[in-house]
Amino acid sequence: MKDRHLEEKPACSVKSAPVPAEVGCPGCGTALEMWSDETDIICTSCGCIVQNERRSAN
């Protein structure tokens, strides 16, 4: 008998924890921290909107 909690689940049902990544502002080059679940952030130096390319592609 197979344990229920060990059964394979579809990829869409698996949730992953957000992870941080360092990105550079396209406006001024400042290094910023963006979390994987964020779609965009505002640069603290110049106010430019920085989009999360990985998130936008999905």
Protein backbone atom coordinates (compact mmCIF):
# COMPACT_ATOMS: atom_id res chain seq x y z
CA MET A 1 0.00 0.00 0.00
CA LYS A 2 1.27 3.42 -0.95
CA ASP A 3 1.25 6.27 1.59
CA ARG A 4 -1.10 9.08 0.51
CA HIS A 5 1.39 11.82 1.38
CA LEU A 6 4.00 10.17 -0.85
CA GLU A 7 1.80 10.02 -3.94
CA GLU A 8 3.06 12.03 -6.85
CA LYS A 9 1.23 15.33 -7.37
CA PRO A 10 0.92 17.40 -10.54
CA ALA A 11 3.46 20.22 -10.77
CA CYS A 12 0.74 22.86 -10.60
CA SER A 13 -0.30 21.67 -7.13
CA VAL A 14 3.19 22.02 -5.66
CA LYS A 15 3.84 25.42 -4.09
CA SER A 16 7.35 26.67 -3.65
CA ALA A 17 8.56 29.29 -1.24
CA PRO A 18 9.59 32.63 -2.78
CA VAL A 19 13.33 33.17 -3.10
CA PRO A 20 15.28 36.43 -3.38
CA ALA A 21 17.43 37.38 -6.35
CA GLU A 22 19.68 40.34 -6.98
CA VAL A 23 18.67 42.38 -10.03
CA GLY A 24 20.13 45.54 -11.50
CA CYS A 25 18.00 48.61 -12.13
CA PRO A 26 17.85 49.30 -15.88
CA GLY A 27 17.75 53.03 -15.17
CA CYS A 28 20.70 53.57 -12.82
CA GLY A 29 22.31 50.15 -12.28
CA THR A 30 21.64 49.97 -8.53
CA ALA A 31 21.61 46.41 -7.17
CA LEU A 32 18.16 45.56 -5.83
CA GLU A 33 16.63 42.53 -4.12
CA MET A 34 13.57 41.08 -5.87
CA TRP A 35 11.62 38.10 -4.60
CA SER A 36 10.51 35.43 -7.08
CA ASP A 37 6.82 36.05 -6.33
CA GLU A 38 7.04 39.79 -7.13
CA THR A 39 6.05 41.03 -10.59
CA ASP A 40 7.89 44.34 -10.27
CA ILE A 41 9.60 46.64 -7.78
CA ILE A 42 10.49 50.32 -7.70
CA CYS A 43 14.16 51.27 -7.57
CA THR A 44 14.97 52.98 -4.28
CA SER A 45 17.58 55.19 -5.98
CA CYS A 46 15.89 56.51 -9.11
CA GLY A 47 12.24 55.40 -8.93
CA CYS A 48 12.43 53.28 -12.09
CA ILE A 49 10.05 50.29 -12.27
CA VAL A 50 12.04 47.04 -12.47
CA GLN A 51 10.08 44.07 -13.85
CA ASN A 52 10.68 40.48 -12.82
CA GLU A 53 11.58 38.93 -16.19
CA ARG A 54 11.11 35.35 -14.93
CA ARG A 55 7.66 36.09 -13.54
CA SER A 56 6.57 38.16 -16.57
CA ALA A 57 7.45 35.31 -18.96
CA ASN A 58 4.99 32.91 -17.25
